[in-house]
Amino acid sequence: MKEFKLSGKTVRIARLLKNVSIKEVAAMTGIGESYLAKIERGVKGANVTYINHFRLLRTLRELGYTDAQIAVLTVLVENIEEKEEQTL
């Protein structure tokens, strides 16, 4: 079974679908706004650390996402990324 890893792109899509600003998510998670923006963009060196993974997961749940919905978003993002890599 594949390990569940929350990506910055998944967080960004989930946030945008709920029409929540990055500032609001930063406040909810305790992650700095600029660092969260780097995580969402996938900037090298801005990784979802162990503790931030749980902060972001908790925040997505607070925004009304179920674990199943988060898993589906994650799989969709991973599949899109794989397709993009194949076309390069």
Protein backbone atom coordinates (compact mmCIF):
# COMPACT_ATOMS: atom_id res chain seq x y z
CA MET A 1 0.00 0.00 0.00
CA LYS A 2 1.26 3.45 -0.91
CA GLU A 3 2.08 5.89 1.89
CA PHE A 4 -0.30 8.85 2.15
CA LYS A 5 1.65 12.09 1.67
CA LEU A 6 -0.09 15.43 1.61
CA SER A 7 1.43 17.72 -1.02
CA GLY A 8 1.44 21.48 -1.29
CA LYS A 9 -0.52 21.28 -4.55
CA THR A 10 -3.22 19.26 -2.81
CA VAL A 11 -3.45 21.85 -0.04
CA ARG A 12 -3.68 24.67 -2.59
CA ILE A 13 -6.45 23.00 -4.58
CA ALA A 14 -8.40 22.15 -1.42
CA ARG A 15 -8.02 25.72 -0.17
CA LEU A 16 -9.15 27.23 -3.47
CA LEU A 17 -12.15 24.90 -3.71
CA LYS A 18 -13.33 26.19 -0.32
CA ASN A 19 -12.55 29.80 -1.31
CA VAL A 20 -10.20 30.25 1.65
CA SER A 21 -7.22 32.61 1.48
CA ILE A 22 -3.68 31.50 2.10
CA LYS A 23 -3.61 34.00 4.97
CA GLU A 24 -6.51 32.20 6.65
CA VAL A 25 -4.90 28.77 6.25
CA ALA A 26 -1.60 30.12 7.56
CA ALA A 27 -3.38 31.44 10.65
CA MET A 28 -5.21 28.14 11.16
CA THR A 29 -2.06 26.04 10.87
CA GLY A 30 0.47 28.30 12.53
CA ILE A 31 2.65 28.04 9.42
CA GLY A 32 4.04 31.33 8.14
CA GLU A 33 2.15 32.71 5.15
CA SER A 34 5.21 33.03 2.92
CA TYR A 35 6.43 29.53 3.83
CA LEU A 36 2.97 28.08 3.18
CA ALA A 37 2.95 29.78 -0.23
CA LYS A 38 6.30 28.13 -1.00
CA ILE A 39 4.94 24.74 0.11
CA GLU A 40 1.90 25.18 -2.16
CA ARG A 41 4.08 26.11 -5.13
CA GLY A 42 6.45 23.23 -4.50
CA VAL A 43 9.50 25.44 -4.06
CA LYS A 44 12.61 23.35 -3.45
CA GLY A 45 13.45 23.27 0.24
CA ALA A 46 9.91 24.13 1.34
CA ASN A 47 8.69 20.68 2.29
CA VAL A 48 5.68 19.49 4.20
CA THR A 49 7.43 18.44 7.40
CA TYR A 50 6.05 15.78 9.71
CA ILE A 51 4.46 18.33 12.06
CA ASN A 52 3.19 20.55 9.22
CA HIS A 53 1.60 17.51 7.58
CA PHE A 54 -0.62 17.05 10.63
CA ARG A 55 -1.30 20.79 10.96
CA LEU A 56 -2.42 20.94 7.32
CA LEU A 57 -4.47 17.76 7.60
CA ARG A 58 -6.23 19.09 10.70
CA THR A 59 -6.93 22.38 8.92
CA LEU A 60 -8.39 20.65 5.86
CA ARG A 61 -10.68 18.71 8.21
CA GLU A 62 -11.69 21.98 9.90
CA LEU A 63 -12.55 23.35 6.44
CA GLY A 64 -15.03 20.50 6.09
CA TYR A 65 -13.07 17.91 4.12
CA THR A 66 -13.39 14.26 5.04
CA ASP A 67 -10.37 11.98 4.99
CA ALA A 68 -11.81 10.28 1.90
CA GLN A 69 -12.10 13.62 0.09
CA ILE A 70 -8.53 14.55 1.00
CA ALA A 71 -7.34 11.15 -0.25
CA VAL A 72 -9.19 11.62 -3.56
CA LEU A 73 -7.69 15.09 -4.05
CA THR A 74 -4.24 13.68 -3.30
CA VAL A 75 -4.64 10.85 -5.82
CA LEU A 76 -5.91 13.27 -8.47
CA VAL A 77 -2.96 15.62 -7.95
CA GLU A 78 -0.50 12.72 -8.08
CA ASN A 79 -2.06 11.41 -11.30
CA ILE A 80 -1.95 14.85 -12.92
CA GLU A 81 1.70 15.24 -11.94
CA GLU A 82 2.52 11.82 -13.41
CA LYS A 83 0.76 12.69 -16.68
CA GLU A 84 2.61 16.02 -16.86
CA GLU A 85 5.94 14.24 -16.37
CA GLN A 86 5.09 11.76 -19.14
CA THR A 87 4.38 14.55 -21.61
CA LEU A 88 7.73 16.26 -21.05
